[in-house]
Amino acid sequence: MDIKAEEVLDALRDRGAKTECDQCGSDKFFISEGDDRFVMHIPMTTNEDELPASHDTLPCVAIACGNCGYMRFYARTIIIEIVKKLRGDHA
């Protein structure tokens, strides 16, 4: 599903997420748009001595503060569901 950067921020606001940076207090966030470039896949493993398989990842939406660069990560699956609701897409 293609999601615009502003839709990610709208989804977070809809759920009451803080709109200012935890580190510097700025309200300017950066999300790279298009082709899921703002989606990161965080490796998951139960054993810190082993590298995870390529499919053992947690897809996350990454946003960064435009002032200090502090980054936050949100579960992409949840963001998609919120965006669908806000769009009125019940499929």
N, C-alpha and C. Protein backbone atom coordinates (compact mmCIF):
# COMPACT_ATOMS: atom_id res chain seq x y z
N MET A 1 0.85 -1.19 0.00
CA MET A 1 0.00 0.00 0.00
C MET A 1 0.89 1.24 0.00
N ASP A 2 0.62 2.15 -0.90
CA ASP A 2 1.37 3.39 -0.99
C ASP A 2 0.82 4.38 0.03
N ILE A 3 1.68 4.87 0.88
CA ILE A 3 1.29 5.81 1.92
C ILE A 3 2.12 7.07 1.77
N LYS A 4 1.48 8.20 1.82
CA LYS A 4 2.17 9.49 1.75
C LYS A 4 2.68 9.87 3.14
N ALA A 5 3.74 10.66 3.15
CA ALA A 5 4.35 11.08 4.42
C ALA A 5 3.33 11.79 5.31
N GLU A 6 2.53 12.67 4.73
CA GLU A 6 1.55 13.41 5.52
C GLU A 6 0.51 12.47 6.13
N GLU A 7 0.20 11.36 5.43
CA GLU A 7 -0.75 10.38 5.97
C GLU A 7 -0.17 9.68 7.20
N VAL A 8 1.13 9.46 7.20
CA VAL A 8 1.78 8.86 8.38
C VAL A 8 1.62 9.79 9.57
N LEU A 9 1.92 11.07 9.36
CA LEU A 9 1.79 12.04 10.45
C LEU A 9 0.33 12.18 10.89
N ASP A 10 -0.61 12.17 9.92
CA ASP A 10 -2.03 12.24 10.27
C ASP A 10 -2.44 11.04 11.11
N ALA A 11 -1.93 9.86 10.75
CA ALA A 11 -2.25 8.63 11.50
C ALA A 11 -1.75 8.74 12.93
N LEU A 12 -0.55 9.25 13.09
CA LEU A 12 0.01 9.39 14.44
C LEU A 12 -0.78 10.40 15.26
N ARG A 13 -1.13 11.52 14.63
CA ARG A 13 -1.94 12.54 15.33
C ARG A 13 -3.31 11.98 15.71
N ASP A 14 -3.90 11.18 14.81
CA ASP A 14 -5.21 10.58 15.07
C ASP A 14 -5.19 9.73 16.33
N ARG A 15 -4.07 9.09 16.60
CA ARG A 15 -3.96 8.22 17.77
C ARG A 15 -3.37 8.94 18.99
N GLY A 16 -3.17 10.23 18.88
CA GLY A 16 -2.70 11.01 20.03
C GLY A 16 -1.21 10.96 20.26
N ALA A 17 -0.44 10.56 19.25
CA ALA A 17 1.02 10.53 19.39
C ALA A 17 1.55 11.96 19.54
N LYS A 18 2.63 12.10 20.29
CA LYS A 18 3.24 13.41 20.47
C LYS A 18 3.70 13.96 19.13
N THR A 19 3.53 15.25 18.93
CA THR A 19 3.92 15.86 17.67
C THR A 19 5.21 16.67 17.79
N GLU A 20 5.86 16.57 18.94
CA GLU A 20 7.14 17.26 19.08
C GLU A 20 8.24 16.22 19.36
N CYS A 21 9.46 16.58 19.00
CA CYS A 21 10.61 15.70 19.17
C CYS A 21 10.90 15.46 20.65
N ASP A 22 11.18 14.22 20.99
CA ASP A 22 11.51 13.87 22.38
C ASP A 22 12.82 14.49 22.84
N GLN A 23 13.70 14.82 21.91
CA GLN A 23 15.02 15.32 22.27
C GLN A 23 15.12 16.84 22.28
N CYS A 24 14.60 17.50 21.22
CA CYS A 24 14.80 18.95 21.12
C CYS A 24 13.51 19.75 21.16
N GLY A 25 12.36 19.08 21.10
CA GLY A 25 11.08 19.77 21.18
C GLY A 25 10.56 20.32 19.86
N SER A 26 11.30 20.16 18.77
CA SER A 26 10.87 20.65 17.46
C SER A 26 9.62 19.90 17.00
N ASP A 27 8.80 20.57 16.19
CA ASP A 27 7.62 19.90 15.64
C ASP A 27 7.78 19.63 14.14
N LYS A 28 9.00 19.69 13.66
CA LYS A 28 9.28 19.45 12.25
C LYS A 28 9.87 18.06 12.07
N PHE A 29 9.13 17.18 11.38
CA PHE A 29 9.59 15.81 11.15
C PHE A 29 9.82 15.58 9.68
N PHE A 30 10.73 14.68 9.38
CA PHE A 30 11.11 14.35 8.01
C PHE A 30 10.75 12.89 7.75
N ILE A 31 10.00 12.67 6.67
CA ILE A 31 9.70 11.32 6.21
C ILE A 31 9.92 11.32 4.71
N SER A 32 10.81 10.46 4.23
CA SER A 32 11.05 10.37 2.80
C SER A 32 9.88 9.67 2.13
N GLU A 33 9.30 10.30 1.11
CA GLU A 33 8.11 9.74 0.45
C GLU A 33 8.47 8.89 -0.76
N GLY A 34 7.54 8.03 -1.12
CA GLY A 34 7.60 7.27 -2.37
C GLY A 34 8.32 5.96 -2.27
N ASP A 35 7.79 4.97 -2.94
CA ASP A 35 8.41 3.65 -3.05
C ASP A 35 8.79 3.05 -1.70
N ASP A 36 8.02 3.33 -0.68
CA ASP A 36 8.27 2.79 0.66
C ASP A 36 9.67 3.09 1.17
N ARG A 37 10.26 4.20 0.76
CA ARG A 37 11.61 4.53 1.22
C ARG A 37 11.66 4.83 2.71
N PHE A 38 10.53 5.15 3.31
CA PHE A 38 10.53 5.41 4.74
C PHE A 38 10.22 4.17 5.55
N VAL A 39 10.12 3.02 4.90
CA VAL A 39 9.89 1.76 5.61
C VAL A 39 11.23 1.09 5.88
N MET A 40 11.47 0.78 7.13
CA MET A 40 12.69 0.07 7.51
C MET A 40 12.29 -1.32 7.97
N HIS A 41 13.19 -2.26 7.80
CA HIS A 41 12.95 -3.62 8.26
C HIS A 41 13.97 -3.92 9.35
N ILE A 42 13.50 -3.93 10.58
CA ILE A 42 14.37 -4.15 11.73
C ILE A 42 14.53 -5.66 11.92
N PRO A 43 15.76 -6.15 11.91
CA PRO A 43 15.99 -7.60 12.09
C PRO A 43 15.51 -8.08 13.45
N MET A 44 14.92 -9.27 13.47
CA MET A 44 14.45 -9.86 14.72
C MET A 44 15.11 -11.23 14.89
N THR A 45 15.57 -11.50 16.09
CA THR A 45 16.14 -12.80 16.39
C THR A 45 15.96 -13.08 17.88
N THR A 46 15.91 -14.34 18.23
CA THR A 46 15.81 -14.71 19.63
C THR A 46 17.17 -15.05 20.21
N ASN A 47 18.18 -15.08 19.35
CA ASN A 47 19.53 -15.42 19.79
C ASN A 47 20.48 -14.33 19.32
N GLU A 48 21.04 -13.59 20.25
CA GLU A 48 21.91 -12.47 19.88
C GLU A 48 23.20 -12.91 19.19
N ASP A 49 23.53 -14.19 19.23
CA ASP A 49 24.75 -14.68 18.59
C ASP A 49 24.53 -15.07 17.14
N GLU A 50 23.28 -15.06 16.68
CA GLU A 50 22.97 -15.46 15.31
C GLU A 50 22.41 -14.28 14.53
N LEU A 51 22.74 -14.22 13.25
CA LEU A 51 22.12 -13.22 12.39
C LEU A 51 20.73 -13.71 12.02
N PRO A 52 19.76 -12.81 11.98
CA PRO A 52 18.40 -13.25 11.62
C PRO A 52 18.30 -13.58 10.14
N ALA A 53 17.38 -14.45 9.81
CA ALA A 53 17.10 -14.74 8.40
C ALA A 53 16.53 -13.48 7.77
N SER A 54 16.68 -13.35 6.46
CA SER A 54 16.25 -12.13 5.78
C SER A 54 14.75 -11.87 5.94
N HIS A 55 13.95 -12.91 6.16
CA HIS A 55 12.52 -12.71 6.31
C HIS A 55 12.10 -12.44 7.76
N ASP A 56 13.02 -12.53 8.70
CA ASP A 56 12.72 -12.29 10.11
C ASP A 56 12.94 -10.83 10.44
N THR A 57 12.03 -10.00 9.93
CA THR A 57 12.15 -8.57 10.17
C THR A 57 10.80 -7.99 10.59
N LEU A 58 10.87 -6.84 11.21
CA LEU A 58 9.68 -6.11 11.61
C LEU A 58 9.62 -4.85 10.76
N PRO A 59 8.66 -4.75 9.80
CA PRO A 59 8.58 -3.55 8.99
C PRO A 59 8.10 -2.36 9.82
N CYS A 60 8.86 -1.28 9.76
CA CYS A 60 8.57 -0.09 10.54
C CYS A 60 8.58 1.15 9.66
N VAL A 61 7.80 2.12 10.05
CA VAL A 61 7.85 3.44 9.43
C VAL A 61 8.80 4.27 10.27
N ALA A 62 9.80 4.85 9.62
CA ALA A 62 10.78 5.67 10.33
C ALA A 62 10.50 7.14 10.05
N ILE A 63 10.49 7.93 11.11
CA ILE A 63 10.40 9.39 10.94
C ILE A 63 11.57 9.99 11.71
N ALA A 64 12.06 11.11 11.21
CA ALA A 64 13.20 11.77 11.84
C ALA A 64 12.88 13.23 12.10
N CYS A 65 13.42 13.75 13.17
CA CYS A 65 13.27 15.16 13.49
C CYS A 65 14.07 15.97 12.47
N GLY A 66 13.43 16.98 11.89
CA GLY A 66 14.10 17.84 10.92
C GLY A 66 15.06 18.81 11.55
N ASN A 67 15.06 18.90 12.87
CA ASN A 67 15.97 19.81 13.56
C ASN A 67 17.22 19.10 14.08
N CYS A 68 17.03 17.99 14.82
CA CYS A 68 18.19 17.33 15.45
C CYS A 68 18.48 15.94 14.89
N GLY A 69 17.56 15.38 14.10
CA GLY A 69 17.78 14.07 13.49
C GLY A 69 17.35 12.88 14.33
N TYR A 70 16.81 13.11 15.50
CA TYR A 70 16.33 12.00 16.34
C TYR A 70 15.30 11.20 15.56
N MET A 71 15.39 9.86 15.63
CA MET A 71 14.49 9.01 14.87
C MET A 71 13.53 8.24 15.75
N ARG A 72 12.32 8.02 15.20
CA ARG A 72 11.30 7.20 15.84
C ARG A 72 10.87 6.14 14.85
N PHE A 73 10.42 5.01 15.37
CA PHE A 73 9.97 3.90 14.53
C PHE A 73 8.58 3.46 14.98
N TYR A 74 7.70 3.25 14.00
CA TYR A 74 6.34 2.81 14.27
C TYR A 74 6.05 1.57 13.43
N ALA A 75 5.28 0.64 13.97
CA ALA A 75 4.92 -0.59 13.25
C ALA A 75 4.12 -0.23 12.00
N ARG A 76 4.65 -0.63 10.84
CA ARG A 76 4.02 -0.29 9.56
C ARG A 76 2.60 -0.86 9.46
N THR A 77 2.38 -2.06 9.96
CA THR A 77 1.06 -2.69 9.89
C THR A 77 0.00 -1.83 10.58
N ILE A 78 0.34 -1.29 11.72
CA ILE A 78 -0.60 -0.45 12.47
C ILE A 78 -0.84 0.86 11.74
N ILE A 79 0.23 1.47 11.22
CA ILE A 79 0.10 2.72 10.47
C ILE A 79 -0.82 2.51 9.26
N ILE A 80 -0.65 1.40 8.55
CA ILE A 80 -1.49 1.12 7.38
C ILE A 80 -2.96 1.02 7.78
N GLU A 81 -3.25 0.34 8.88
CA GLU A 81 -4.64 0.21 9.33
C GLU A 81 -5.24 1.57 9.68
N ILE A 82 -4.46 2.42 10.34
CA ILE A 82 -4.96 3.75 10.69
C ILE A 82 -5.20 4.57 9.43
N VAL A 83 -4.26 4.53 8.48
CA VAL A 83 -4.41 5.27 7.22
C VAL A 83 -5.65 4.80 6.46
N LYS A 84 -5.87 3.49 6.41
CA LYS A 84 -7.07 2.96 5.74
C LYS A 84 -8.33 3.53 6.38
N LYS A 85 -8.36 3.56 7.71
CA LYS A 85 -9.51 4.09 8.43
C LYS A 85 -9.72 5.56 8.09
N LEU A 86 -8.64 6.33 8.09
CA LEU A 86 -8.74 7.76 7.80
C LEU A 86 -9.15 8.02 6.36
N ARG A 87 -8.75 7.13 5.45
CA ARG A 87 -9.15 7.26 4.05
C ARG A 87 -10.58 6.79 3.81
N GLY A 88 -11.13 6.06 4.79
CA GLY A 88 -12.46 5.49 4.62
C GLY A 88 -12.44 4.18 3.85
N ASP A 89 -11.25 3.58 3.75
CA ASP A 89 -11.08 2.31 3.04
C ASP A 89 -11.27 1.19 4.04
N HIS A 90 -12.34 0.43 3.89
CA HIS A 90 -12.63 -0.64 4.83
C HIS A 90 -12.30 -2.01 4.27
N ALA A 91 -11.54 -2.05 3.20
CA ALA A 91 -11.18 -3.33 2.57
C ALA A 91 -10.10 -4.04 3.36
